[in-house]
Amino acid sequence: MMDLKRNKVIDIQLVQSNEVGNSVRMEKEGFVRSLSTLLERGVDVQQVVTDRHTGVQMYLREEKQEISHY
């Protein structure tokens, strides 16, 4: 995850395909882990910009409606 206003990397997650079953699931899992870490630390996440991975889109739409996705 990167804070675009400050141009700083604020979280990195390493996900291996054998942890989540296959490589298709890795991007969503990494995103969910990073977002959870930030929220647990009290970061106010209002918007995220991604490459529109379908797993990430679905997660945000179903679980985190309060976060705008671009």
N, C-alpha and C. Protein backbone atom coordinates (compact mmCIF):
# COMPACT_ATOMS: atom_id res chain seq x y z
N MET A 1 0.85 -1.17 0.00
CA MET A 1 0.00 0.00 0.00
C MET A 1 0.89 1.23 0.00
N MET A 2 0.38 2.26 -0.66
CA MET A 2 1.14 3.50 -0.78
C MET A 2 0.22 4.67 -0.47
N ASP A 3 0.74 5.61 0.29
CA ASP A 3 0.04 6.86 0.55
C ASP A 3 0.43 7.82 -0.57
N LEU A 4 -0.49 8.08 -1.48
CA LEU A 4 -0.17 8.90 -2.65
C LEU A 4 0.05 10.37 -2.30
N LYS A 5 -0.59 10.87 -1.27
CA LYS A 5 -0.38 12.27 -0.89
C LYS A 5 1.04 12.50 -0.39
N ARG A 6 1.58 11.53 0.32
CA ARG A 6 2.93 11.66 0.88
C ARG A 6 3.99 10.94 0.05
N ASN A 7 3.54 10.20 -0.97
CA ASN A 7 4.44 9.43 -1.83
C ASN A 7 5.30 8.47 -1.02
N LYS A 8 4.66 7.77 -0.08
CA LYS A 8 5.36 6.83 0.81
C LYS A 8 4.68 5.47 0.80
N VAL A 9 5.49 4.43 0.80
CA VAL A 9 4.97 3.07 0.97
C VAL A 9 4.63 2.90 2.44
N ILE A 10 3.41 2.49 2.75
CA ILE A 10 3.00 2.37 4.15
C ILE A 10 2.75 0.93 4.59
N ASP A 11 2.69 0.00 3.64
CA ASP A 11 2.57 -1.41 4.01
C ASP A 11 2.94 -2.29 2.83
N ILE A 12 3.58 -3.40 3.14
CA ILE A 12 3.92 -4.41 2.14
C ILE A 12 3.54 -5.77 2.71
N GLN A 13 2.93 -6.60 1.89
CA GLN A 13 2.58 -7.96 2.30
C GLN A 13 3.16 -8.95 1.29
N LEU A 14 3.69 -10.03 1.79
CA LEU A 14 4.18 -11.10 0.93
C LEU A 14 3.20 -12.26 1.01
N VAL A 15 2.63 -12.62 -0.13
CA VAL A 15 1.68 -13.73 -0.19
C VAL A 15 2.21 -14.73 -1.21
N GLN A 16 2.32 -15.96 -0.79
CA GLN A 16 2.76 -17.02 -1.70
C GLN A 16 1.54 -17.80 -2.18
N SER A 17 1.62 -18.28 -3.39
CA SER A 17 0.45 -18.95 -3.98
C SER A 17 0.02 -20.18 -3.18
N ASN A 18 0.96 -20.86 -2.55
CA ASN A 18 0.58 -22.05 -1.78
C ASN A 18 -0.18 -21.70 -0.49
N GLU A 19 -0.16 -20.44 -0.07
CA GLU A 19 -0.93 -20.01 1.10
C GLU A 19 -2.41 -19.87 0.78
N VAL A 20 -2.71 -19.49 -0.45
CA VAL A 20 -4.09 -19.16 -0.81
C VAL A 20 -4.68 -20.07 -1.88
N GLY A 21 -3.94 -21.05 -2.31
CA GLY A 21 -4.47 -22.01 -3.26
C GLY A 21 -3.97 -21.85 -4.68
N ASN A 22 -3.91 -20.61 -5.16
CA ASN A 22 -3.36 -20.37 -6.50
C ASN A 22 -2.98 -18.91 -6.66
N SER A 23 -2.30 -18.61 -7.75
CA SER A 23 -1.78 -17.26 -7.96
C SER A 23 -2.88 -16.23 -8.21
N VAL A 24 -4.03 -16.65 -8.69
CA VAL A 24 -5.13 -15.71 -8.94
C VAL A 24 -5.62 -15.08 -7.64
N ARG A 25 -5.59 -15.81 -6.56
CA ARG A 25 -6.08 -15.32 -5.27
C ARG A 25 -5.06 -14.47 -4.51
N MET A 26 -3.83 -14.45 -4.96
CA MET A 26 -2.77 -13.76 -4.23
C MET A 26 -3.00 -12.25 -4.12
N GLU A 27 -3.42 -11.60 -5.19
CA GLU A 27 -3.58 -10.15 -5.17
C GLU A 27 -4.66 -9.73 -4.17
N LYS A 28 -5.79 -10.41 -4.19
CA LYS A 28 -6.86 -10.07 -3.24
C LYS A 28 -6.39 -10.29 -1.81
N GLU A 29 -5.74 -11.40 -1.55
CA GLU A 29 -5.27 -11.71 -0.19
C GLU A 29 -4.27 -10.67 0.29
N GLY A 30 -3.35 -10.28 -0.56
CA GLY A 30 -2.39 -9.24 -0.18
C GLY A 30 -3.09 -7.92 0.12
N PHE A 31 -4.08 -7.58 -0.69
CA PHE A 31 -4.84 -6.35 -0.47
C PHE A 31 -5.59 -6.40 0.86
N VAL A 32 -6.28 -7.51 1.11
CA VAL A 32 -7.05 -7.66 2.35
C VAL A 32 -6.13 -7.58 3.56
N ARG A 33 -5.00 -8.23 3.50
CA ARG A 33 -4.04 -8.18 4.62
C ARG A 33 -3.54 -6.76 4.87
N SER A 34 -3.17 -6.07 3.80
CA SER A 34 -2.67 -4.70 3.94
C SER A 34 -3.74 -3.78 4.50
N LEU A 35 -4.93 -3.87 3.94
CA LEU A 35 -6.02 -3.01 4.41
C LEU A 35 -6.33 -3.30 5.87
N SER A 36 -6.37 -4.55 6.26
CA SER A 36 -6.63 -4.91 7.65
C SER A 36 -5.57 -4.36 8.58
N THR A 37 -4.31 -4.46 8.16
CA THR A 37 -3.21 -3.93 8.96
C THR A 37 -3.37 -2.43 9.17
N LEU A 38 -3.68 -1.71 8.10
CA LEU A 38 -3.84 -0.26 8.21
C LEU A 38 -5.01 0.10 9.11
N LEU A 39 -6.13 -0.57 8.94
CA LEU A 39 -7.31 -0.27 9.75
C LEU A 39 -7.07 -0.60 11.22
N GLU A 40 -6.36 -1.70 11.50
CA GLU A 40 -6.04 -2.06 12.88
C GLU A 40 -5.14 -1.02 13.53
N ARG A 41 -4.32 -0.35 12.74
CA ARG A 41 -3.41 0.68 13.26
C ARG A 41 -4.08 2.05 13.33
N GLY A 42 -5.35 2.11 12.99
CA GLY A 42 -6.09 3.36 13.11
C GLY A 42 -5.98 4.29 11.92
N VAL A 43 -5.50 3.80 10.80
CA VAL A 43 -5.40 4.63 9.60
C VAL A 43 -6.80 4.80 9.01
N ASP A 44 -7.17 6.04 8.70
CA ASP A 44 -8.48 6.34 8.12
C ASP A 44 -8.39 6.18 6.61
N VAL A 45 -8.75 5.01 6.11
CA VAL A 45 -8.68 4.73 4.68
C VAL A 45 -10.01 5.14 4.07
N GLN A 46 -9.98 6.15 3.19
CA GLN A 46 -11.20 6.64 2.56
C GLN A 46 -11.30 6.25 1.10
N GLN A 47 -10.14 6.11 0.44
CA GLN A 47 -10.11 5.80 -0.98
C GLN A 47 -8.96 4.84 -1.27
N VAL A 48 -9.16 3.98 -2.26
CA VAL A 48 -8.06 3.14 -2.76
C VAL A 48 -8.09 3.17 -4.28
N VAL A 49 -6.91 3.10 -4.85
CA VAL A 49 -6.75 3.03 -6.30
C VAL A 49 -6.04 1.72 -6.60
N THR A 50 -6.66 0.88 -7.44
CA THR A 50 -6.07 -0.41 -7.79
C THR A 50 -6.13 -0.60 -9.30
N ASP A 51 -5.64 -1.75 -9.74
CA ASP A 51 -5.73 -2.09 -11.16
C ASP A 51 -7.07 -2.74 -11.49
N ARG A 52 -8.02 -2.64 -10.59
CA ARG A 52 -9.38 -3.15 -10.77
C ARG A 52 -9.46 -4.67 -10.80
N HIS A 53 -8.62 -5.32 -10.04
CA HIS A 53 -8.66 -6.78 -9.91
C HIS A 53 -10.05 -7.17 -9.45
N THR A 54 -10.66 -8.15 -10.09
CA THR A 54 -12.06 -8.48 -9.79
C THR A 54 -12.26 -8.94 -8.35
N GLY A 55 -11.30 -9.65 -7.78
CA GLY A 55 -11.41 -10.09 -6.39
C GLY A 55 -11.39 -8.92 -5.43
N VAL A 56 -10.54 -7.93 -5.71
CA VAL A 56 -10.47 -6.73 -4.88
C VAL A 56 -11.74 -5.91 -5.03
N GLN A 57 -12.22 -5.77 -6.26
CA GLN A 57 -13.47 -5.04 -6.50
C GLN A 57 -14.62 -5.63 -5.69
N MET A 58 -14.76 -6.94 -5.76
CA MET A 58 -15.85 -7.62 -5.06
C MET A 58 -15.72 -7.45 -3.55
N TYR A 59 -14.50 -7.60 -3.03
CA TYR A 59 -14.28 -7.45 -1.59
C TYR A 59 -14.69 -6.06 -1.13
N LEU A 60 -14.25 -5.04 -1.83
CA LEU A 60 -14.60 -3.67 -1.43
C LEU A 60 -16.10 -3.43 -1.54
N ARG A 61 -16.70 -3.90 -2.60
CA ARG A 61 -18.15 -3.70 -2.80
C ARG A 61 -18.97 -4.40 -1.72
N GLU A 62 -18.54 -5.61 -1.31
CA GLU A 62 -19.33 -6.39 -0.36
C GLU A 62 -18.95 -6.15 1.10
N GLU A 63 -17.70 -5.86 1.37
CA GLU A 63 -17.23 -5.78 2.76
C GLU A 63 -16.87 -4.38 3.24
N LYS A 64 -16.50 -3.50 2.34
CA LYS A 64 -15.99 -2.18 2.73
C LYS A 64 -16.63 -1.08 1.88
N GLN A 65 -17.95 -0.98 1.92
CA GLN A 65 -18.66 -0.01 1.10
C GLN A 65 -18.27 1.43 1.41
N GLU A 66 -17.76 1.67 2.61
CA GLU A 66 -17.40 3.03 3.01
C GLU A 66 -16.11 3.53 2.36
N ILE A 67 -15.39 2.64 1.69
CA ILE A 67 -14.13 3.01 1.03
C ILE A 67 -14.39 3.15 -0.47
N SER A 68 -14.07 4.32 -1.02
CA SER A 68 -14.22 4.54 -2.46
C SER A 68 -13.11 3.82 -3.21
N HIS A 69 -13.47 3.20 -4.32
CA HIS A 69 -12.51 2.42 -5.12
C HIS A 69 -12.42 3.01 -6.52
N TYR A 70 -11.19 3.31 -6.92
CA TYR A 70 -10.95 3.87 -8.25
C TYR A 70 -9.98 3.00 -9.00
